[in-house]
Amino acid sequence: MENNTMSEILQYAPYIVMVIMFCCNYKIFVTPTALDEKLKDYVLKETYTLAYSEMKSDISEIKNKIDKMYDKIMGID
């Protein structure tokens, strides 16, 4: 019985090795360290994107205020 099980395992061994190598080659399974690193990268990118969009709106507000001051000084209003 034990010999029969071993022969079945040996029969499928090349396929098992192929699946394991495929998973390693294409990084299907992620280690906790790599996952933590990717999460930090994602959070940083999201933070910079939010900060950039907020700064962009602040700059447009400043531009509008400068335009109003220019119009007042020039007497265009």
PDB file of N, CA and C in Angstrom:
ATOM      1  N   MET A   1       0.819  -1.193   0.000  1.00  0.00           N
ATOM      2  CA  MET A   1       0.000   0.000   0.000  1.00  0.00           C
ATOM      3  C   MET A   1       0.869   1.265   0.000  1.00  0.00           C
ATOM      4  N   GLU A   2       1.910   1.252   0.828  1.00  0.00           N
ATOM      5  CA  GLU A   2       2.796   2.406   0.886  1.00  0.00           C
ATOM      6  C   GLU A   2       3.558   2.560  -0.424  1.00  0.00           C
ATOM      7  N   ASN A   3       3.949   1.492  -1.025  1.00  0.00           N
ATOM      8  CA  ASN A   3       4.669   1.515  -2.290  1.00  0.00           C
ATOM      9  C   ASN A   3       3.769   2.049  -3.398  1.00  0.00           C
ATOM     10  N   ASN A   4       2.488   1.727  -3.351  1.00  0.00           N
ATOM     11  CA  ASN A   4       1.531   2.190  -4.349  1.00  0.00           C
ATOM     12  C   ASN A   4       1.374   3.718  -4.278  1.00  0.00           C
ATOM     13  N   THR A   5       1.325   4.253  -3.074  1.00  0.00           N
ATOM     14  CA  THR A   5       1.201   5.702  -2.887  1.00  0.00           C
ATOM     15  C   THR A   5       2.440   6.426  -3.412  1.00  0.00           C
ATOM     16  N   MET A   6       3.593   5.843  -3.119  1.00  0.00           N
ATOM     17  CA  MET A   6       4.837   6.458  -3.576  1.00  0.00           C
ATOM     18  C   MET A   6       4.924   6.449  -5.099  1.00  0.00           C
ATOM     19  N   SER A   7       4.473   5.394  -5.728  1.00  0.00           N
ATOM     20  CA  SER A   7       4.525   5.333  -7.193  1.00  0.00           C
ATOM     21  C   SER A   7       3.564   6.348  -7.808  1.00  0.00           C
ATOM     22  N   GLU A   8       2.438   6.596  -7.163  1.00  0.00           N
ATOM     23  CA  GLU A   8       1.509   7.620  -7.644  1.00  0.00           C
ATOM     24  C   GLU A   8       2.124   9.011  -7.519  1.00  0.00           C
ATOM     25  N   ILE A   9       2.812   9.260  -6.408  1.00  0.00           N
ATOM     26  CA  ILE A   9       3.467  10.555  -6.220  1.00  0.00           C
ATOM     27  C   ILE A   9       4.553  10.743  -7.263  1.00  0.00           C
ATOM     28  N   LEU A  10       5.345   9.711  -7.516  1.00  0.00           N
ATOM     29  CA  LEU A  10       6.399   9.794  -8.510  1.00  0.00           C
ATOM     30  C   LEU A  10       5.835   9.963  -9.918  1.00  0.00           C
ATOM     31  N   GLN A  11       4.667   9.424 -10.155  1.00  0.00           N
ATOM     32  CA  GLN A  11       4.028   9.562 -11.463  1.00  0.00           C
ATOM     33  C   GLN A  11       3.678  11.022 -11.743  1.00  0.00           C
ATOM     34  N   TYR A  12       3.221  11.724 -10.732  1.00  0.00           N
ATOM     35  CA  TYR A  12       2.809  13.122 -10.904  1.00  0.00           C
ATOM     36  C   TYR A  12       3.894  14.123 -10.510  1.00  0.00           C
ATOM     37  N   ALA A  13       5.070  13.667 -10.127  1.00  0.00           N
ATOM     38  CA  ALA A  13       6.147  14.538  -9.672  1.00  0.00           C
ATOM     39  C   ALA A  13       6.550  15.584 -10.712  1.00  0.00           C
ATOM     40  N   PRO A  14       6.702  15.250 -11.987  1.00  0.00           N
ATOM     41  CA  PRO A  14       7.077  16.298 -12.952  1.00  0.00           C
ATOM     42  C   PRO A  14       6.040  17.413 -13.054  1.00  0.00           C
ATOM     43  N   TYR A  15       4.779  17.048 -12.962  1.00  0.00           N
ATOM     44  CA  TYR A  15       3.721  18.063 -13.029  1.00  0.00           C
ATOM     45  C   TYR A  15       3.727  18.944 -11.781  1.00  0.00           C
ATOM     46  N   ILE A  16       3.981  18.328 -10.643  1.00  0.00           N
ATOM     47  CA  ILE A  16       4.041  19.086  -9.395  1.00  0.00           C
ATOM     48  C   ILE A  16       5.210  20.080  -9.448  1.00  0.00           C
ATOM     49  N   VAL A  17       6.349  19.620  -9.941  1.00  0.00           N
ATOM     50  CA  VAL A  17       7.519  20.492 -10.057  1.00  0.00           C
ATOM     51  C   VAL A  17       7.232  21.621 -11.040  1.00  0.00           C
ATOM     52  N   MET A  18       6.548  21.313 -12.156  1.00  0.00           N
ATOM     53  CA  MET A  18       6.206  22.361 -13.126  1.00  0.00           C
ATOM     54  C   MET A  18       5.305  23.417 -12.509  1.00  0.00           C
ATOM     55  N   VAL A  19       4.321  23.006 -11.740  1.00  0.00           N
ATOM     56  CA  VAL A  19       3.404  23.960 -11.107  1.00  0.00           C
ATOM     57  C   VAL A  19       4.144  24.814 -10.093  1.00  0.00           C
ATOM     58  N   ILE A  20       5.022  24.204  -9.313  1.00  0.00           N
ATOM     59  CA  ILE A  20       5.785  24.962  -8.324  1.00  0.00           C
ATOM     60  C   ILE A  20       6.709  25.968  -9.017  1.00  0.00           C
ATOM     61  N   MET A  21       7.369  25.543 -10.082  1.00  0.00           N
ATOM     62  CA  MET A  21       8.263  26.455 -10.806  1.00  0.00           C
ATOM     63  C   MET A  21       7.480  27.586 -11.479  1.00  0.00           C
ATOM     64  N   PHE A  22       6.307  27.276 -12.002  1.00  0.00           N
ATOM     65  CA  PHE A  22       5.455  28.304 -12.606  1.00  0.00           C
ATOM     66  C   PHE A  22       5.081  29.352 -11.560  1.00  0.00           C
ATOM     67  N   CYS A  23       4.692  28.890 -10.387  1.00  0.00           N
ATOM     68  CA  CYS A  23       4.300  29.812  -9.314  1.00  0.00           C
ATOM     69  C   CYS A  23       5.480  30.661  -8.860  1.00  0.00           C
ATOM     70  N   CYS A  24       6.651  30.068  -8.792  1.00  0.00           N
ATOM     71  CA  CYS A  24       7.840  30.838  -8.391  1.00  0.00           C
ATOM     72  C   CYS A  24       8.243  31.820  -9.479  1.00  0.00           C
ATOM     73  N   ASN A  25       8.163  31.394 -10.733  1.00  0.00           N
ATOM     74  CA  ASN A  25       8.592  32.234 -11.842  1.00  0.00           C
ATOM     75  C   ASN A  25       7.708  33.468 -11.993  1.00  0.00           C
ATOM     76  N   TYR A  26       6.408  33.308 -11.875  1.00  0.00           N
ATOM     77  CA  TYR A  26       5.473  34.417 -12.051  1.00  0.00           C
ATOM     78  C   TYR A  26       5.048  35.059 -10.732  1.00  0.00           C
ATOM     79  N   LYS A  27       5.709  34.677  -9.656  1.00  0.00           N
ATOM     80  CA  LYS A  27       5.471  35.248  -8.319  1.00  0.00           C
ATOM     81  C   LYS A  27       3.983  35.250  -7.962  1.00  0.00           C
ATOM     82  N   ILE A  28       3.383  34.083  -8.081  1.00  0.00           N
ATOM     83  CA  ILE A  28       1.961  33.942  -7.766  1.00  0.00           C
ATOM     84  C   ILE A  28       1.737  34.065  -6.257  1.00  0.00           C
ATOM     85  N   PHE A  29       2.617  33.449  -5.492  1.00  0.00           N
ATOM     86  CA  PHE A  29       2.510  33.510  -4.043  1.00  0.00           C
ATOM     87  C   PHE A  29       3.457  34.592  -3.533  1.00  0.00           C
ATOM     88  N   VAL A  30       2.958  35.444  -2.679  1.00  0.00           N
ATOM     89  CA  VAL A  30       3.728  36.594  -2.208  1.00  0.00           C
ATOM     90  C   VAL A  30       4.129  36.352  -0.759  1.00  0.00           C
ATOM     91  N   THR A  31       5.367  36.707  -0.448  1.00  0.00           N
ATOM     92  CA  THR A  31       5.812  36.605   0.936  1.00  0.00           C
ATOM     93  C   THR A  31       5.271  37.814   1.710  1.00  0.00           C
ATOM     94  N   PRO A  32       5.122  37.688   3.011  1.00  0.00           N
ATOM     95  CA  PRO A  32       4.623  38.828   3.795  1.00  0.00           C
ATOM     96  C   PRO A  32       5.502  40.072   3.675  1.00  0.00           C
ATOM     97  N   THR A  33       6.809  39.887   3.546  1.00  0.00           N
ATOM     98  CA  THR A  33       7.714  41.032   3.403  1.00  0.00           C
ATOM     99  C   THR A  33       7.452  41.782   2.103  1.00  0.00           C
ATOM    100  N   ALA A  34       7.314  41.031   1.004  1.00  0.00           N
ATOM    101  CA  ALA A  34       7.048  41.662  -0.293  1.00  0.00           C
ATOM    102  C   ALA A  34       5.679  42.337  -0.294  1.00  0.00           C
ATOM    103  N   LEU A  35       4.708  41.709   0.359  1.00  0.00           N
ATOM    104  CA  LEU A  35       3.370  42.291   0.435  1.00  0.00           C
ATOM    105  C   LEU A  35       3.392  43.603   1.218  1.00  0.00           C
ATOM    106  N   ASP A  36       4.134  43.620   2.318  1.00  0.00           N
ATOM    107  CA  ASP A  36       4.242  44.835   3.120  1.00  0.00           C
ATOM    108  C   ASP A  36       4.922  45.949   2.321  1.00  0.00           C
ATOM    109  N   GLU A  37       5.944  45.589   1.557  1.00  0.00           N
ATOM    110  CA  GLU A  37       6.652  46.581   0.737  1.00  0.00           C
ATOM    111  C   GLU A  37       5.730  47.160  -0.339  1.00  0.00           C
ATOM    112  N   LYS A  38       4.956  46.319  -1.001  1.00  0.00           N
ATOM    113  CA  LYS A  38       4.016  46.792  -2.030  1.00  0.00           C
ATOM    114  C   LYS A  38       2.951  47.685  -1.409  1.00  0.00           C
ATOM    115  N   LEU A  39       2.488  47.323  -0.219  1.00  0.00           N
ATOM    116  CA  LEU A  39       1.468  48.123   0.462  1.00  0.00           C
ATOM    117  C   LEU A  39       2.012  49.505   0.800  1.00  0.00           C
ATOM    118  N   LYS A  40       3.263  49.578   1.251  1.00  0.00           N
ATOM    119  CA  LYS A  40       3.873  50.881   1.563  1.00  0.00           C
ATOM    120  C   LYS A  40       3.982  51.725   0.303  1.00  0.00           C
ATOM    121  N   ASP A  41       4.396  51.105  -0.809  1.00  0.00           N
ATOM    122  CA  ASP A  41       4.491  51.841  -2.073  1.00  0.00           C
ATOM    123  C   ASP A  41       3.136  52.379  -2.489  1.00  0.00           C
ATOM    124  N   TYR A  42       2.091  51.564  -2.348  1.00  0.00           N
ATOM    125  CA  TYR A  42       0.744  51.975  -2.734  1.00  0.00           C
ATOM    126  C   TYR A  42       0.263  53.138  -1.873  1.00  0.00           C
ATOM    127  N   VAL A  43       0.494  53.051  -0.563  1.00  0.00           N
ATOM    128  CA  VAL A  43       0.053  54.110   0.347  1.00  0.00           C
ATOM    129  C   VAL A  43       0.794  55.407   0.040  1.00  0.00           C
ATOM    130  N   LEU A  44       2.103  55.323  -0.241  1.00  0.00           N
ATOM    131  CA  LEU A  44       2.864  56.528  -0.575  1.00  0.00           C
ATOM    132  C   LEU A  44       2.362  57.168  -1.856  1.00  0.00           C
ATOM    133  N   LYS A  45       2.101  56.360  -2.882  1.00  0.00           N
ATOM    134  CA  LYS A  45       1.607  56.897  -4.143  1.00  0.00           C
ATOM    135  C   LYS A  45       0.251  57.562  -3.947  1.00  0.00           C
ATOM    136  N   GLU A  46      -0.613  56.924  -3.154  1.00  0.00           N
ATOM    137  CA  GLU A  46      -1.943  57.492  -2.909  1.00  0.00           C
ATOM    138  C   GLU A  46      -1.822  58.798  -2.142  1.00  0.00           C
ATOM    139  N   THR A  47      -0.925  58.846  -1.166  1.00  0.00           N
ATOM    140  CA  THR A  47      -0.730  60.065  -0.379  1.00  0.00           C
ATOM    141  C   THR A  47      -0.225  61.201  -1.257  1.00  0.00           C
ATOM    142  N   TYR A  48       0.761  60.921  -2.110  1.00  0.00           N
ATOM    143  CA  TYR A  48       1.290  61.956  -2.996  1.00  0.00           C
ATOM    144  C   TYR A  48       0.239  62.432  -3.987  1.00  0.00           C
ATOM    145  N   THR A  49      -0.598  61.516  -4.472  1.00  0.00           N
ATOM    146  CA  THR A  49      -1.649  61.900  -5.411  1.00  0.00           C
ATOM    147  C   THR A  49      -2.654  62.827  -4.742  1.00  0.00           C
ATOM    148  N   LEU A  50      -3.052  62.493  -3.515  1.00  0.00           N
ATOM    149  CA  LEU A  50      -3.994  63.349  -2.795  1.00  0.00           C
ATOM    150  C   LEU A  50      -3.371  64.706  -2.487  1.00  0.00           C
ATOM    151  N   ALA A  51      -2.111  64.705  -2.063  1.00  0.00           N
ATOM    152  CA  ALA A  51      -1.438  65.971  -1.751  1.00  0.00           C
ATOM    153  C   ALA A  51      -1.313  66.831  -3.004  1.00  0.00           C
ATOM    154  N   TYR A  52      -1.020  66.222  -4.136  1.00  0.00           N
ATOM    155  CA  TYR A  52      -0.887  66.972  -5.386  1.00  0.00           C
ATOM    156  C   TYR A  52      -2.214  67.594  -5.790  1.00  0.00           C
ATOM    157  N   SER A  53      -3.308  66.844  -5.675  1.00  0.00           N
ATOM    158  CA  SER A  53      -4.608  67.387  -6.078  1.00  0.00           C
ATOM    159  C   SER A  53      -5.030  68.534  -5.157  1.00  0.00           C
ATOM    160  N   GLU A  54      -4.738  68.412  -3.854  1.00  0.00           N
ATOM    161  CA  GLU A  54      -5.049  69.501  -2.927  1.00  0.00           C
ATOM    162  C   GLU A  54      -4.203  70.734  -3.237  1.00  0.00           C
ATOM    163  N   MET A  55      -2.927  70.526  -3.518  1.00  0.00           N
ATOM    164  CA  MET A  55      -2.041  71.640  -3.829  1.00  0.00           C
ATOM    165  C   MET A  55      -2.473  72.311  -5.132  1.00  0.00           C
ATOM    166  N   LYS A  56      -2.924  71.530  -6.092  1.00  0.00           N
ATOM    167  CA  LYS A  56      -3.366  72.090  -7.367  1.00  0.00           C
ATOM    168  C   LYS A  56      -4.579  73.000  -7.160  1.00  0.00           C
ATOM    169  N   SER A  57      -5.518  72.577  -6.316  1.00  0.00           N
ATOM    170  CA  SER A  57      -6.687  73.424  -6.058  1.00  0.00           C
ATOM    171  C   SER A  57      -6.292  74.681  -5.289  1.00  0.00           C
ATOM    172  N   ASP A  58      -5.334  74.565  -4.359  1.00  0.00           N
ATOM    173  CA  ASP A  58      -4.855  75.742  -3.627  1.00  0.00           C
ATOM    174  C   ASP A  58      -4.187  76.734  -4.563  1.00  0.00           C
ATOM    175  N   ILE A  59      -3.412  76.235  -5.510  1.00  0.00           N
ATOM    176  CA  ILE A  59      -2.733  77.116  -6.467  1.00  0.00           C
ATOM    177  C   ILE A  59      -3.746  77.840  -7.339  1.00  0.00           C
ATOM    178  N   SER A  60      -4.800  77.168  -7.735  1.00  0.00           N
ATOM    179  CA  SER A  60      -5.814  77.837  -8.557  1.00  0.00           C
ATOM    180  C   SER A  60      -6.542  78.914  -7.753  1.00  0.00           C
ATOM    181  N   GLU A  61      -6.768  78.677  -6.464  1.00  0.00           N
ATOM    182  CA  GLU A  61      -7.379  79.701  -5.613  1.00  0.00           C
ATOM    183  C   GLU A  61      -6.455  80.915  -5.488  1.00  0.00           C
ATOM    184  N   ILE A  62      -5.171  80.682  -5.295  1.00  0.00           N
ATOM    185  CA  ILE A  62      -4.206  81.777  -5.196  1.00  0.00           C
ATOM    186  C   ILE A  62      -4.181  82.571  -6.492  1.00  0.00           C
ATOM    187  N   LYS A  63      -4.203  81.883  -7.632  1.00  0.00           N
ATOM    188  CA  LYS A  63      -4.212  82.560  -8.931  1.00  0.00           C
ATOM    189  C   LYS A  63      -5.446  83.444  -9.070  1.00  0.00           C
ATOM    190  N   ASN A  64      -6.604  82.941  -8.652  1.00  0.00           N
ATOM    191  CA  ASN A  64      -7.832  83.733  -8.730  1.00  0.00           C
ATOM    192  C   ASN A  64      -7.737  84.984  -7.850  1.00  0.00           C
ATOM    193  N   LYS A  65      -7.179  84.848  -6.672  1.00  0.00           N
ATOM    194  CA  LYS A  65      -7.038  85.999  -5.788  1.00  0.00           C
ATOM    195  C   LYS A  65      -6.063  87.030  -6.359  1.00  0.00           C
ATOM    196  N   ILE A  66      -4.975  86.555  -6.952  1.00  0.00           N
ATOM    197  CA  ILE A  66      -4.018  87.473  -7.576  1.00  0.00           C
ATOM    198  C   ILE A  66      -4.675  88.203  -8.737  1.00  0.00           C
ATOM    199  N   ASP A  67      -5.485  87.492  -9.525  1.00  0.00           N
ATOM    200  CA  ASP A  67      -6.191  88.130 -10.643  1.00  0.00           C
ATOM    201  C   ASP A  67      -7.149  89.208 -10.139  1.00  0.00           C
ATOM    202  N   LYS A  68      -7.839  88.943  -9.036  1.00  0.00           N
ATOM    203  CA  LYS A  68      -8.757  89.943  -8.463  1.00  0.00           C
ATOM    204  C   LYS A  68      -7.986  91.171  -7.984  1.00  0.00           C
ATOM    205  N   MET A  69      -6.831  90.940  -7.326  1.00  0.00           N
ATOM    206  CA  MET A  69      -6.016  92.064  -6.859  1.00  0.00           C
ATOM    207  C   MET A  69      -5.507  92.877  -8.047  1.00  0.00           C
ATOM    208  N   TYR A  70      -5.094  92.236  -9.105  1.00  0.00           N
ATOM    209  CA  TYR A  70      -4.618  92.923 -10.309  1.00  0.00           C
ATOM    210  C   TYR A  70      -5.731  93.761 -10.920  1.00  0.00           C
ATOM    211  N   ASP A  71      -6.940  93.176 -10.989  1.00  0.00           N
ATOM    212  CA  ASP A  71      -8.070  93.911 -11.537  1.00  0.00           C
ATOM    213  C   ASP A  71      -8.385  95.135 -10.693  1.00  0.00           C
ATOM    214  N   LYS A  72      -8.306  95.023  -9.351  1.00  0.00           N
ATOM    215  CA  LYS A  72      -8.564  96.171  -8.469  1.00  0.00           C
ATOM    216  C   LYS A  72      -7.521  97.257  -8.689  1.00  0.00           C
ATOM    217  N   ILE A  73      -6.253  96.838  -8.774  1.00  0.00           N
ATOM    218  CA  ILE A  73      -5.173  97.820  -8.935  1.00  0.00           C
ATOM    219  C   ILE A  73      -5.308  98.547 -10.280  1.00  0.00           C
ATOM    220  N   MET A  74      -5.622  97.802 -11.315  1.00  0.00           N
ATOM    221  CA  MET A  74      -5.714  98.389 -12.653  1.00  0.00           C
ATOM    222  C   MET A  74      -7.051  99.111 -12.859  1.00  0.00           C
ATOM    223  N   GLY A  75      -7.980  98.919 -11.968  1.00  0.00           N
ATOM    224  CA  GLY A  75      -9.272  99.593 -12.068  1.00  0.00           C
ATOM    225  C   GLY A  75     -10.170  98.988 -13.131  1.00  0.00           C
ATOM    226  N   ILE A  76      -9.969  97.688 -13.393  1.00  0.00           N
ATOM    227  CA  ILE A  76     -10.741  97.040 -14.452  1.00  0.00           C
ATOM    228  C   ILE A  76     -12.142  96.693 -13.967  1.00  0.00           C
ATOM    229  N   ASP A  77     -12.300  96.426 -12.743  1.00  0.00           N
ATOM    230  CA  ASP A  77     -13.591  95.944 -12.283  1.00  0.00           C
ATOM    231  C   ASP A  77     -14.722  96.794 -12.633  1.00  0.00           C
TER     232      ASP A  77
END
